Amino acid sequence: MVQLVSVFTMAILVASCATAATQTIPTFGLRSMPSTSPIPADVQQMAVLYPRGGTSDWSSAYGRLEGAAFQLKTFRPNLRIIDRSHVQAIVSEQRFQVGGLVSEESAVRIGQMLGVDSVLIYRIDGPTLRDRFFARQHHDLPPVTITSKIIRVESGEVVYHNVVTARVDEAEGSEWSLSDNVDYHRWSHEALDRGIMQTVYDLHRAFD
């Protein structure tokens, strides 16, 4: 009897480990539309561009997305990602306005100055303080949207385009309050986190 219980317990533990190992990105309230074609093999040198400033959450999110670009070397060892310091030096020298949105035209010009063949552009949009003020329930808030593009510097061709949309969902058991910054911050942060994970997953698949 003791042996039977031990075997049964072991089976449960093995099943639990297998379930944990196969966990994927939470898909509730999440939509992704990546390019279906793989990234061309001649994309060998790439600079990562994104708006500066914004909230601390978004600054951290852009940092995570930039870090994920360096992980692409796992799939393409010869790929060279330009360090942020080099990009910032060019931006400052030429007085490009990267504090706001990064246009495709300015991204291509920066790419030409850096001597890369491609540029990866990130853009994050999400709920503002005004959206929160006028919302009465969590579904009144706009979703978090993360757009990523890879553009050839020489031709301006967009070889990769993905838009990930993560809905701001209410956590179970929580109640909406206009004065409750904690709930709002958590819901928005969770949506942003799901969006980042899906964006990174899609980008890695495109290079795989």
N, C-alpha and C. Protein backbone atom coordinates (compact mmCIF):
# COMPACT_ATOMS: atom_id res chain seq x y z
N MET A 1 0.84 -1.21 0.00
CA MET A 1 0.00 0.00 0.00
C MET A 1 0.87 1.25 0.00
N VAL A 2 1.94 1.23 0.83
CA VAL A 2 2.85 2.37 0.91
C VAL A 2 3.53 2.61 -0.43
N GLN A 3 3.92 1.48 -1.08
CA GLN A 3 4.56 1.60 -2.39
C GLN A 3 3.61 2.20 -3.41
N LEU A 4 2.32 1.81 -3.34
CA LEU A 4 1.32 2.34 -4.26
C LEU A 4 1.15 3.83 -4.08
N VAL A 5 1.10 4.27 -2.83
CA VAL A 5 0.97 5.71 -2.55
C VAL A 5 2.18 6.46 -3.06
N SER A 6 3.36 5.89 -2.88
CA SER A 6 4.59 6.53 -3.33
C SER A 6 4.61 6.67 -4.83
N VAL A 7 4.19 5.62 -5.53
CA VAL A 7 4.15 5.67 -6.99
C VAL A 7 3.16 6.72 -7.45
N PHE A 8 1.99 6.77 -6.78
CA PHE A 8 0.97 7.75 -7.15
C PHE A 8 1.45 9.18 -6.93
N THR A 9 2.14 9.39 -5.79
CA THR A 9 2.68 10.71 -5.49
C THR A 9 3.72 11.12 -6.51
N MET A 10 4.59 10.19 -6.89
CA MET A 10 5.62 10.48 -7.88
C MET A 10 4.99 10.83 -9.23
N ALA A 11 3.91 10.15 -9.57
CA ALA A 11 3.24 10.43 -10.84
C ALA A 11 2.70 11.84 -10.87
N ILE A 12 2.15 12.28 -9.72
CA ILE A 12 1.61 13.64 -9.63
C ILE A 12 2.72 14.67 -9.80
N LEU A 13 3.86 14.42 -9.13
CA LEU A 13 4.99 15.35 -9.22
C LEU A 13 5.51 15.44 -10.64
N VAL A 14 5.63 14.31 -11.31
CA VAL A 14 6.11 14.30 -12.70
C VAL A 14 5.17 15.06 -13.60
N ALA A 15 3.86 14.84 -13.40
CA ALA A 15 2.86 15.54 -14.22
C ALA A 15 2.92 17.03 -13.99
N SER A 16 3.12 17.44 -12.71
CA SER A 16 3.20 18.86 -12.39
C SER A 16 4.40 19.50 -13.05
N CYS A 17 5.55 18.81 -13.04
CA CYS A 17 6.76 19.34 -13.67
C CYS A 17 6.58 19.47 -15.16
N ALA A 18 5.91 18.48 -15.75
CA ALA A 18 5.69 18.53 -17.20
C ALA A 18 4.79 19.70 -17.56
N THR A 19 3.77 19.95 -16.71
CA THR A 19 2.87 21.07 -16.98
C THR A 19 3.61 22.38 -16.88
N ALA A 20 4.46 22.52 -15.86
CA ALA A 20 5.22 23.76 -15.67
C ALA A 20 6.18 23.98 -16.82
N ALA A 21 6.75 22.90 -17.35
CA ALA A 21 7.73 23.03 -18.42
C ALA A 21 7.11 23.47 -19.72
N THR A 22 5.79 23.19 -19.86
CA THR A 22 5.14 23.51 -21.13
C THR A 22 4.31 24.78 -21.05
N GLN A 23 4.42 25.51 -19.95
CA GLN A 23 3.68 26.77 -19.82
C GLN A 23 4.16 27.76 -20.87
N THR A 24 3.20 28.48 -21.45
CA THR A 24 3.52 29.46 -22.47
C THR A 24 3.03 30.84 -22.03
N ILE A 25 3.17 31.79 -22.91
CA ILE A 25 2.74 33.15 -22.61
C ILE A 25 1.23 33.17 -22.41
N PRO A 26 0.73 33.85 -21.35
CA PRO A 26 -0.72 33.97 -21.17
C PRO A 26 -1.35 34.63 -22.39
N THR A 27 -2.39 34.00 -22.93
CA THR A 27 -2.97 34.50 -24.18
C THR A 27 -4.26 35.27 -23.96
N PHE A 28 -4.78 35.34 -22.71
CA PHE A 28 -6.03 36.06 -22.51
C PHE A 28 -5.82 37.55 -22.79
N GLY A 29 -6.74 38.11 -23.56
CA GLY A 29 -6.67 39.52 -23.89
C GLY A 29 -5.47 39.89 -24.72
N LEU A 30 -4.94 38.93 -25.49
CA LEU A 30 -3.70 39.16 -26.23
C LEU A 30 -3.91 38.85 -27.70
N ARG A 31 -3.42 39.73 -28.57
CA ARG A 31 -3.49 39.51 -30.02
C ARG A 31 -2.18 39.91 -30.65
N SER A 32 -1.72 39.10 -31.60
CA SER A 32 -0.43 39.34 -32.25
C SER A 32 -0.59 39.15 -33.74
N MET A 33 0.05 40.03 -34.52
CA MET A 33 -0.02 39.95 -35.98
C MET A 33 1.37 40.10 -36.59
N PRO A 34 2.24 39.10 -36.39
CA PRO A 34 3.60 39.20 -36.93
C PRO A 34 3.66 38.91 -38.42
N SER A 35 4.74 39.35 -39.07
CA SER A 35 4.96 39.02 -40.47
C SER A 35 5.14 37.52 -40.59
N THR A 36 4.66 36.96 -41.68
CA THR A 36 4.74 35.51 -41.87
C THR A 36 6.08 35.08 -42.45
N SER A 37 6.79 35.99 -43.12
CA SER A 37 8.06 35.63 -43.74
C SER A 37 9.20 35.76 -42.73
N PRO A 38 10.19 34.86 -42.80
CA PRO A 38 11.34 34.97 -41.90
C PRO A 38 12.21 36.17 -42.26
N ILE A 39 13.01 36.63 -41.31
CA ILE A 39 13.90 37.74 -41.56
C ILE A 39 14.97 37.31 -42.57
N PRO A 40 15.19 38.08 -43.64
CA PRO A 40 16.19 37.71 -44.66
C PRO A 40 17.56 37.47 -44.05
N ALA A 41 18.29 36.53 -44.63
CA ALA A 41 19.60 36.15 -44.10
C ALA A 41 20.63 37.27 -44.21
N ASP A 42 20.41 38.22 -45.13
CA ASP A 42 21.39 39.29 -45.30
C ASP A 42 21.20 40.44 -44.30
N VAL A 43 20.27 40.28 -43.36
CA VAL A 43 20.18 41.23 -42.24
C VAL A 43 21.26 40.83 -41.25
N GLN A 44 22.37 41.54 -41.26
CA GLN A 44 23.55 41.16 -40.49
C GLN A 44 23.98 42.21 -39.47
N GLN A 45 23.62 43.48 -39.70
CA GLN A 45 23.97 44.56 -38.78
C GLN A 45 22.73 45.39 -38.52
N MET A 46 22.38 45.54 -37.25
CA MET A 46 21.10 46.17 -36.93
C MET A 46 21.22 47.11 -35.73
N ALA A 47 20.58 48.25 -35.84
CA ALA A 47 20.49 49.20 -34.72
C ALA A 47 19.08 49.16 -34.17
N VAL A 48 18.94 49.32 -32.86
CA VAL A 48 17.64 49.30 -32.19
C VAL A 48 17.27 50.72 -31.78
N LEU A 49 16.11 51.18 -32.22
CA LEU A 49 15.65 52.54 -31.95
C LEU A 49 14.28 52.51 -31.27
N TYR A 50 14.08 53.45 -30.35
CA TYR A 50 12.78 53.59 -29.69
C TYR A 50 12.73 54.95 -29.03
N PRO A 51 11.53 55.45 -28.73
CA PRO A 51 11.41 56.78 -28.11
C PRO A 51 12.05 56.83 -26.74
N ARG A 52 12.63 57.97 -26.41
CA ARG A 52 13.21 58.19 -25.09
C ARG A 52 12.18 58.85 -24.18
N GLY A 53 12.42 58.78 -22.90
CA GLY A 53 11.51 59.44 -21.96
C GLY A 53 10.31 58.56 -21.67
N GLY A 54 9.19 59.19 -21.28
CA GLY A 54 8.00 58.44 -20.94
C GLY A 54 8.03 57.99 -19.48
N THR A 55 7.10 57.11 -19.13
CA THR A 55 7.02 56.63 -17.75
C THR A 55 8.16 55.66 -17.45
N SER A 56 8.38 55.42 -16.17
CA SER A 56 9.44 54.49 -15.77
C SER A 56 9.13 53.08 -16.25
N ASP A 57 7.84 52.71 -16.26
CA ASP A 57 7.45 51.39 -16.74
C ASP A 57 7.79 51.22 -18.21
N TRP A 58 7.51 52.26 -19.00
CA TRP A 58 7.78 52.15 -20.43
C TRP A 58 9.28 52.19 -20.72
N SER A 59 10.01 52.99 -19.96
CA SER A 59 11.47 53.02 -20.13
C SER A 59 12.05 51.64 -19.84
N SER A 60 11.56 51.00 -18.78
CA SER A 60 12.01 49.65 -18.44
C SER A 60 11.61 48.67 -19.53
N ALA A 61 10.40 48.85 -20.08
CA ALA A 61 9.91 47.95 -21.13
C ALA A 61 10.77 48.06 -22.38
N TYR A 62 11.12 49.28 -22.76
CA TYR A 62 11.99 49.45 -23.93
C TYR A 62 13.36 48.82 -23.68
N GLY A 63 13.84 48.91 -22.45
CA GLY A 63 15.10 48.28 -22.11
C GLY A 63 15.03 46.77 -22.28
N ARG A 64 13.91 46.18 -21.86
CA ARG A 64 13.74 44.73 -22.02
C ARG A 64 13.67 44.34 -23.49
N LEU A 65 12.98 45.14 -24.29
CA LEU A 65 12.87 44.85 -25.72
C LEU A 65 14.23 44.97 -26.41
N GLU A 66 15.00 45.98 -26.00
CA GLU A 66 16.34 46.14 -26.57
C GLU A 66 17.23 44.96 -26.19
N GLY A 67 17.11 44.53 -24.93
CA GLY A 67 17.89 43.38 -24.49
C GLY A 67 17.54 42.13 -25.26
N ALA A 68 16.26 41.99 -25.61
CA ALA A 68 15.83 40.82 -26.38
C ALA A 68 16.45 40.81 -27.77
N ALA A 69 16.74 42.00 -28.31
CA ALA A 69 17.37 42.08 -29.63
C ALA A 69 18.77 41.46 -29.60
N PHE A 70 19.49 41.66 -28.49
CA PHE A 70 20.82 41.07 -28.37
C PHE A 70 20.77 39.55 -28.29
N GLN A 71 19.64 39.02 -27.81
CA GLN A 71 19.47 37.58 -27.74
C GLN A 71 19.31 36.94 -29.12
N LEU A 72 19.06 37.76 -30.13
CA LEU A 72 18.89 37.23 -31.48
C LEU A 72 20.17 36.58 -32.01
N LYS A 73 21.30 36.92 -31.40
CA LYS A 73 22.57 36.31 -31.81
C LYS A 73 22.56 34.80 -31.55
N THR A 74 21.68 34.35 -30.68
CA THR A 74 21.54 32.92 -30.44
C THR A 74 21.07 32.21 -31.72
N PHE A 75 20.19 32.88 -32.48
CA PHE A 75 19.66 32.29 -33.70
C PHE A 75 20.52 32.64 -34.92
N ARG A 76 21.21 33.77 -34.83
CA ARG A 76 22.04 34.21 -35.96
C ARG A 76 23.36 34.75 -35.39
N PRO A 77 24.34 33.87 -35.17
CA PRO A 77 25.59 34.26 -34.48
C PRO A 77 26.34 35.41 -35.14
N ASN A 78 26.21 35.56 -36.45
CA ASN A 78 26.95 36.62 -37.14
C ASN A 78 26.24 37.98 -37.06
N LEU A 79 25.06 38.00 -36.47
CA LEU A 79 24.30 39.24 -36.37
C LEU A 79 25.00 40.21 -35.41
N ARG A 80 25.12 41.47 -35.83
CA ARG A 80 25.75 42.51 -35.01
C ARG A 80 24.69 43.53 -34.61
N ILE A 81 24.51 43.70 -33.31
CA ILE A 81 23.57 44.69 -32.79
C ILE A 81 24.36 45.88 -32.28
N ILE A 82 24.02 47.07 -32.76
CA ILE A 82 24.75 48.28 -32.37
C ILE A 82 24.39 48.66 -30.94
N ASP A 83 25.40 48.91 -30.14
CA ASP A 83 25.22 49.28 -28.75
C ASP A 83 24.48 50.62 -28.63
N ARG A 84 23.69 50.75 -27.58
CA ARG A 84 22.88 51.95 -27.37
C ARG A 84 23.72 53.22 -27.33
N SER A 85 24.91 53.14 -26.78
CA SER A 85 25.76 54.33 -26.65
C SER A 85 26.12 54.90 -28.02
N HIS A 86 26.36 54.04 -29.00
CA HIS A 86 26.67 54.51 -30.35
C HIS A 86 25.46 55.18 -30.99
N VAL A 87 24.28 54.58 -30.78
CA VAL A 87 23.05 55.16 -31.33
C VAL A 87 22.81 56.53 -30.72
N GLN A 88 22.94 56.63 -29.38
CA GLN A 88 22.67 57.89 -28.69
C GLN A 88 23.64 58.98 -29.13
N ALA A 89 24.90 58.60 -29.40
CA ALA A 89 25.89 59.58 -29.84
C ALA A 89 25.50 60.19 -31.17
N ILE A 90 25.04 59.34 -32.09
CA ILE A 90 24.61 59.83 -33.41
C ILE A 90 23.36 60.70 -33.28
N VAL A 91 22.43 60.25 -32.44
CA VAL A 91 21.18 61.00 -32.25
C VAL A 91 21.48 62.39 -31.69
N SER A 92 22.37 62.46 -30.71
CA SER A 92 22.70 63.74 -30.09
C SER A 92 23.44 64.64 -31.07
N GLU A 93 24.37 64.06 -31.80
CA GLU A 93 25.18 64.84 -32.73
C GLU A 93 24.34 65.46 -33.84
N GLN A 94 23.40 64.70 -34.36
CA GLN A 94 22.58 65.17 -35.48
C GLN A 94 21.29 65.84 -35.02
N ARG A 95 21.07 65.87 -33.69
CA ARG A 95 19.90 66.53 -33.11
C ARG A 95 18.59 65.93 -33.61
N PHE A 96 18.57 64.62 -33.76
CA PHE A 96 17.32 63.96 -34.11
C PHE A 96 16.39 64.00 -32.92
N GLN A 97 15.13 64.17 -33.19
CA GLN A 97 14.14 64.21 -32.12
C GLN A 97 13.65 62.80 -31.85
N VAL A 98 14.35 62.08 -30.98
CA VAL A 98 13.96 60.72 -30.66
C VAL A 98 13.22 60.68 -29.33
N GLY A 99 12.93 61.86 -28.78
CA GLY A 99 12.16 61.88 -27.55
C GLY A 99 10.73 61.47 -27.79
N GLY A 100 10.22 61.72 -29.02
CA GLY A 100 8.88 61.30 -29.37
C GLY A 100 8.92 60.05 -30.22
N LEU A 101 8.02 59.97 -31.20
CA LEU A 101 7.96 58.80 -32.06
C LEU A 101 9.13 58.80 -33.03
N VAL A 102 9.62 57.61 -33.35
CA VAL A 102 10.73 57.48 -34.30
C VAL A 102 10.13 57.20 -35.67
N SER A 103 10.28 58.13 -36.59
CA SER A 103 9.74 57.93 -37.94
C SER A 103 10.65 57.00 -38.73
N GLU A 104 10.08 56.37 -39.75
CA GLU A 104 10.87 55.47 -40.58
C GLU A 104 11.98 56.23 -41.30
N GLU A 105 11.69 57.45 -41.71
CA GLU A 105 12.68 58.25 -42.43
C GLU A 105 13.88 58.57 -41.55
N SER A 106 13.62 59.03 -40.31
CA SER A 106 14.73 59.37 -39.42
C SER A 106 15.48 58.11 -39.00
N ALA A 107 14.77 56.99 -38.86
CA ALA A 107 15.42 55.73 -38.49
C ALA A 107 16.39 55.29 -39.58
N VAL A 108 15.97 55.42 -40.83
CA VAL A 108 16.84 55.05 -41.95
C VAL A 108 18.07 55.95 -41.99
N ARG A 109 17.89 57.24 -41.74
CA ARG A 109 19.02 58.18 -41.75
C ARG A 109 20.01 57.85 -40.64
N ILE A 110 19.49 57.52 -39.46
CA ILE A 110 20.37 57.12 -38.36
C ILE A 110 21.11 55.83 -38.71
N GLY A 111 20.39 54.90 -39.33
CA GLY A 111 21.00 53.64 -39.74
C GLY A 111 22.13 53.85 -40.74
N GLN A 112 21.93 54.79 -41.66
CA GLN A 112 22.98 55.10 -42.64
C GLN A 112 24.23 55.64 -41.95
N MET A 113 24.03 56.52 -40.97
CA MET A 113 25.17 57.10 -40.25
C MET A 113 25.90 56.06 -39.39
N LEU A 114 25.16 55.06 -38.91
CA LEU A 114 25.78 54.02 -38.10
C LEU A 114 26.42 52.93 -38.95
N GLY A 115 26.12 52.93 -40.24
CA GLY A 115 26.70 51.93 -41.12
C GLY A 115 26.09 50.55 -40.99
N VAL A 116 24.82 50.48 -40.57
CA VAL A 116 24.14 49.19 -40.45
C VAL A 116 23.28 48.94 -41.68
N ASP A 117 22.88 47.70 -41.88
CA ASP A 117 22.02 47.39 -43.03
C ASP A 117 20.54 47.46 -42.68
N SER A 118 20.22 47.44 -41.36
CA SER A 118 18.81 47.44 -40.95
C SER A 118 18.64 48.16 -39.62
N VAL A 119 17.42 48.61 -39.37
CA VAL A 119 17.08 49.21 -38.08
C VAL A 119 15.83 48.52 -37.54
N LEU A 120 15.83 48.28 -36.24
CA LEU A 120 14.67 47.71 -35.55
C LEU A 120 14.04 48.82 -34.73
N ILE A 121 12.78 49.13 -35.01
CA ILE A 121 12.07 50.21 -34.32
C ILE A 121 11.01 49.61 -33.40
N TYR A 122 10.98 50.07 -32.16
CA TYR A 122 9.93 49.69 -31.20
C TYR A 122 9.08 50.91 -30.87
N ARG A 123 7.81 50.66 -30.63
CA ARG A 123 6.91 51.72 -30.17
C ARG A 123 5.86 51.11 -29.25
N ILE A 124 5.67 51.73 -28.09
CA ILE A 124 4.67 51.26 -27.13
C ILE A 124 3.61 52.34 -26.94
N ASP A 125 2.35 51.94 -27.02
CA ASP A 125 1.22 52.83 -26.72
C ASP A 125 0.35 52.16 -25.66
N GLY A 126 -0.23 52.96 -24.79
CA GLY A 126 -1.07 52.38 -23.73
C GLY A 126 -1.90 53.43 -23.04
N PRO A 127 -2.61 53.04 -21.98
CA PRO A 127 -3.49 53.97 -21.27
C PRO A 127 -2.74 55.17 -20.70
N THR A 128 -3.33 56.33 -20.84
CA THR A 128 -2.76 57.55 -20.27
C THR A 128 -3.49 57.89 -18.97
N LEU A 129 -3.02 58.90 -18.26
CA LEU A 129 -3.69 59.33 -17.05
C LEU A 129 -5.10 59.83 -17.36
N ARG A 130 -5.25 60.45 -18.52
CA ARG A 130 -6.59 60.93 -18.92
C ARG A 130 -7.53 59.75 -19.14
N ASP A 131 -7.03 58.70 -19.79
CA ASP A 131 -7.84 57.50 -20.01
C ASP A 131 -8.31 56.93 -18.67
N ARG A 132 -7.41 56.91 -17.72
CA ARG A 132 -7.74 56.35 -16.42
C ARG A 132 -8.78 57.20 -15.70
N PHE A 133 -8.65 58.50 -15.82
CA PHE A 133 -9.55 59.41 -15.12
C PHE A 133 -11.00 59.23 -15.59
N PHE A 134 -11.18 59.03 -16.90
CA PHE A 134 -12.53 58.94 -17.45
C PHE A 134 -13.06 57.51 -17.49
N ALA A 135 -12.23 56.52 -17.18
CA ALA A 135 -12.68 55.13 -17.19
C ALA A 135 -13.51 54.83 -15.96
N ARG A 136 -14.52 54.00 -16.11
CA ARG A 136 -15.33 53.56 -14.98
C ARG A 136 -15.07 52.08 -14.67
N GLN A 137 -14.64 51.34 -15.67
CA GLN A 137 -14.28 49.94 -15.48
C GLN A 137 -13.01 49.65 -16.27
N HIS A 138 -12.38 48.51 -15.96
CA HIS A 138 -11.10 48.21 -16.60
C HIS A 138 -11.20 48.10 -18.11
N HIS A 139 -12.37 47.62 -18.61
CA HIS A 139 -12.50 47.47 -20.06
C HIS A 139 -12.73 48.80 -20.78
N ASP A 140 -12.84 49.90 -20.02
CA ASP A 140 -12.91 51.22 -20.63
C ASP A 140 -11.52 51.72 -21.04
N LEU A 141 -10.49 51.09 -20.52
CA LEU A 141 -9.13 51.52 -20.81
C LEU A 141 -8.67 50.96 -22.16
N PRO A 142 -7.92 51.75 -22.93
CA PRO A 142 -7.37 51.24 -24.19
C PRO A 142 -6.31 50.18 -23.90
N PRO A 143 -6.05 49.28 -24.84
CA PRO A 143 -5.05 48.23 -24.62
C PRO A 143 -3.63 48.77 -24.71
N VAL A 144 -2.70 47.95 -24.27
CA VAL A 144 -1.29 48.23 -24.49
C VAL A 144 -0.92 47.66 -25.86
N THR A 145 -0.33 48.49 -26.70
CA THR A 145 0.04 48.06 -28.05
C THR A 145 1.55 48.23 -28.25
N ILE A 146 2.21 47.17 -28.69
CA ILE A 146 3.65 47.21 -28.97
C ILE A 146 3.86 46.92 -30.45
N THR A 147 4.41 47.91 -31.14
CA THR A 147 4.69 47.78 -32.57
C THR A 147 6.19 47.61 -32.77
N SER A 148 6.57 46.68 -33.60
CA SER A 148 7.99 46.49 -33.94
C SER A 148 8.14 46.36 -35.44
N LYS A 149 9.18 47.01 -35.97
CA LYS A 149 9.47 46.99 -37.40
C LYS A 149 10.97 46.82 -37.63
N ILE A 150 11.31 46.06 -38.66
CA ILE A 150 12.70 46.02 -39.12
C ILE A 150 12.71 46.56 -40.54
N ILE A 151 13.52 47.60 -40.76
CA ILE A 151 13.56 48.29 -42.04
C ILE A 151 14.96 48.22 -42.63
N ARG A 152 15.05 47.90 -43.90
CA ARG A 152 16.33 47.93 -44.60
C ARG A 152 16.76 49.38 -44.79
N VAL A 153 18.00 49.67 -44.47
CA VAL A 153 18.50 51.03 -44.58
C VAL A 153 18.66 51.44 -46.03
N GLU A 154 19.14 50.56 -46.86
CA GLU A 154 19.43 50.91 -48.26
C GLU A 154 18.18 51.19 -49.07
N SER A 155 17.15 50.38 -48.89
CA SER A 155 15.95 50.50 -49.73
C SER A 155 14.74 51.07 -48.98
N GLY A 156 14.77 51.07 -47.65
CA GLY A 156 13.61 51.51 -46.88
C GLY A 156 12.53 50.45 -46.79
N GLU A 157 12.81 49.24 -47.27
CA GLU A 157 11.82 48.16 -47.26
C GLU A 157 11.59 47.65 -45.84
N VAL A 158 10.33 47.46 -45.49
CA VAL A 158 9.98 46.88 -44.20
C VAL A 158 9.98 45.36 -44.35
N VAL A 159 10.94 44.71 -43.71
CA VAL A 159 11.05 43.26 -43.84
C VAL A 159 10.40 42.52 -42.67
N TYR A 160 10.03 43.27 -41.64
CA TYR A 160 9.32 42.66 -40.50
C TYR A 160 8.43 43.71 -39.86
N HIS A 161 7.19 43.33 -39.60
CA HIS A 161 6.23 44.25 -38.98
C HIS A 161 5.32 43.44 -38.08
N ASN A 162 5.24 43.82 -36.82
CA ASN A 162 4.40 43.09 -35.88
C ASN A 162 3.70 44.08 -34.96
N VAL A 163 2.44 43.82 -34.70
CA VAL A 163 1.66 44.62 -33.75
C VAL A 163 1.06 43.67 -32.72
N VAL A 164 1.47 43.83 -31.47
CA VAL A 164 0.95 43.01 -30.37
C VAL A 164 0.03 43.88 -29.52
N THR A 165 -1.18 43.40 -29.29
CA THR A 165 -2.16 44.13 -28.50
C THR A 165 -2.51 43.33 -27.26
N ALA A 166 -2.31 43.93 -26.09
CA ALA A 166 -2.61 43.27 -24.82
C ALA A 166 -3.68 44.08 -24.09
N ARG A 167 -4.82 43.48 -23.89
CA ARG A 167 -5.92 44.18 -23.21
C ARG A 167 -5.62 44.31 -21.72
N VAL A 168 -6.02 45.45 -21.16
CA VAL A 168 -5.89 45.66 -19.71
C VAL A 168 -7.03 44.92 -19.04
N ASP A 169 -6.71 43.81 -18.36
CA ASP A 169 -7.73 42.98 -17.73
C ASP A 169 -7.73 43.17 -16.23
N GLU A 170 -8.92 43.09 -15.66
CA GLU A 170 -9.08 43.23 -14.22
C GLU A 170 -8.62 41.96 -13.52
N ALA A 171 -7.81 42.13 -12.48
CA ALA A 171 -7.37 40.98 -11.70
C ALA A 171 -8.55 40.42 -10.91
N GLU A 172 -8.58 39.11 -10.75
CA GLU A 172 -9.69 38.46 -10.06
C GLU A 172 -9.80 38.97 -8.63
N GLY A 173 -11.03 39.34 -8.25
CA GLY A 173 -11.28 39.75 -6.87
C GLY A 173 -11.00 41.20 -6.59
N SER A 174 -10.57 41.97 -7.58
CA SER A 174 -10.27 43.37 -7.33
C SER A 174 -11.45 44.24 -7.74
N GLU A 175 -11.53 45.43 -7.18
CA GLU A 175 -12.61 46.35 -7.48
C GLU A 175 -12.05 47.64 -8.02
N TRP A 176 -12.73 48.20 -9.01
CA TRP A 176 -12.25 49.42 -9.66
C TRP A 176 -12.51 50.63 -8.78
N SER A 177 -11.54 51.51 -8.73
CA SER A 177 -11.70 52.77 -8.00
C SER A 177 -10.87 53.82 -8.71
N LEU A 178 -11.47 54.98 -8.96
CA LEU A 178 -10.73 56.04 -9.64
C LEU A 178 -9.53 56.51 -8.83
N SER A 179 -9.58 56.33 -7.52
CA SER A 179 -8.49 56.79 -6.68
C SER A 179 -7.49 55.68 -6.37
N ASP A 180 -7.71 54.50 -6.94
CA ASP A 180 -6.86 53.36 -6.62
C ASP A 180 -5.74 53.24 -7.64
N ASN A 181 -4.60 53.88 -7.36
CA ASN A 181 -3.47 53.84 -8.27
C ASN A 181 -2.83 52.46 -8.33
N VAL A 182 -2.91 51.72 -7.24
CA VAL A 182 -2.26 50.41 -7.18
C VAL A 182 -2.87 49.45 -8.18
N ASP A 183 -4.21 49.36 -8.20
CA ASP A 183 -4.87 48.47 -9.13
C ASP A 183 -4.59 48.89 -10.57
N TYR A 184 -4.71 50.17 -10.84
CA TYR A 184 -4.48 50.64 -12.21
C TYR A 184 -3.06 50.31 -12.65
N HIS A 185 -2.11 50.57 -11.81
CA HIS A 185 -0.72 50.31 -12.16
C HIS A 185 -0.49 48.82 -12.40
N ARG A 186 -1.09 47.99 -11.56
CA ARG A 186 -0.88 46.54 -11.69
C ARG A 186 -1.51 46.02 -12.99
N TRP A 187 -2.74 46.44 -13.28
CA TRP A 187 -3.40 45.98 -14.49
C TRP A 187 -2.62 46.40 -15.73
N SER A 188 -2.20 47.67 -15.75
CA SER A 188 -1.46 48.17 -16.90
C SER A 188 -0.12 47.46 -17.03
N HIS A 189 0.54 47.23 -15.89
CA HIS A 189 1.85 46.58 -15.91
C HIS A 189 1.74 45.13 -16.39
N GLU A 190 0.68 44.44 -15.95
CA GLU A 190 0.49 43.05 -16.37
C GLU A 190 0.23 42.96 -17.87
N ALA A 191 -0.55 43.90 -18.40
CA ALA A 191 -0.80 43.92 -19.85
C ALA A 191 0.49 44.21 -20.60
N LEU A 192 1.28 45.15 -20.09
CA LEU A 192 2.55 45.49 -20.72
C LEU A 192 3.50 44.29 -20.71
N ASP A 193 3.52 43.58 -19.59
CA ASP A 193 4.40 42.42 -19.47
C ASP A 193 4.01 41.33 -20.47
N ARG A 194 2.71 41.07 -20.62
CA ARG A 194 2.26 40.07 -21.59
C ARG A 194 2.62 40.50 -23.00
N GLY A 195 2.46 41.79 -23.28
CA GLY A 195 2.78 42.30 -24.61
C GLY A 195 4.26 42.16 -24.94
N ILE A 196 5.12 42.44 -23.96
CA ILE A 196 6.56 42.31 -24.18
C ILE A 196 6.93 40.86 -24.47
N MET A 197 6.40 39.94 -23.66
CA MET A 197 6.73 38.52 -23.84
C MET A 197 6.32 38.03 -25.23
N GLN A 198 5.13 38.45 -25.69
CA GLN A 198 4.67 38.02 -27.01
C GLN A 198 5.50 38.65 -28.11
N THR A 199 5.86 39.93 -27.95
CA THR A 199 6.68 40.63 -28.94
C THR A 199 8.04 39.95 -29.09
N VAL A 200 8.66 39.62 -27.97
CA VAL A 200 9.97 38.95 -27.99
C VAL A 200 9.85 37.58 -28.63
N TYR A 201 8.80 36.85 -28.27
CA TYR A 201 8.58 35.51 -28.82
C TYR A 201 8.44 35.57 -30.34
N ASP A 202 7.62 36.50 -30.83
CA ASP A 202 7.41 36.62 -32.27
C ASP A 202 8.69 37.00 -33.00
N LEU A 203 9.46 37.92 -32.43
CA LEU A 203 10.71 38.35 -33.06
C LEU A 203 11.72 37.21 -33.12
N HIS A 204 11.83 36.47 -32.04
CA HIS A 204 12.78 35.34 -32.03
C HIS A 204 12.38 34.28 -33.06
N ARG A 205 11.08 34.05 -33.19
CA ARG A 205 10.64 33.08 -34.19
C ARG A 205 10.96 33.52 -35.60
N ALA A 206 10.88 34.82 -35.84
CA ALA A 206 11.17 35.35 -37.18
C ALA A 206 12.64 35.16 -37.55
N PHE A 207 13.52 35.13 -36.55
CA PHE A 207 14.96 34.95 -36.81
C PHE A 207 15.37 33.48 -36.73
N ASP A 208 14.51 32.64 -36.18
CA ASP A 208 14.86 31.24 -35.98
C ASP A 208 14.90 30.48 -37.32
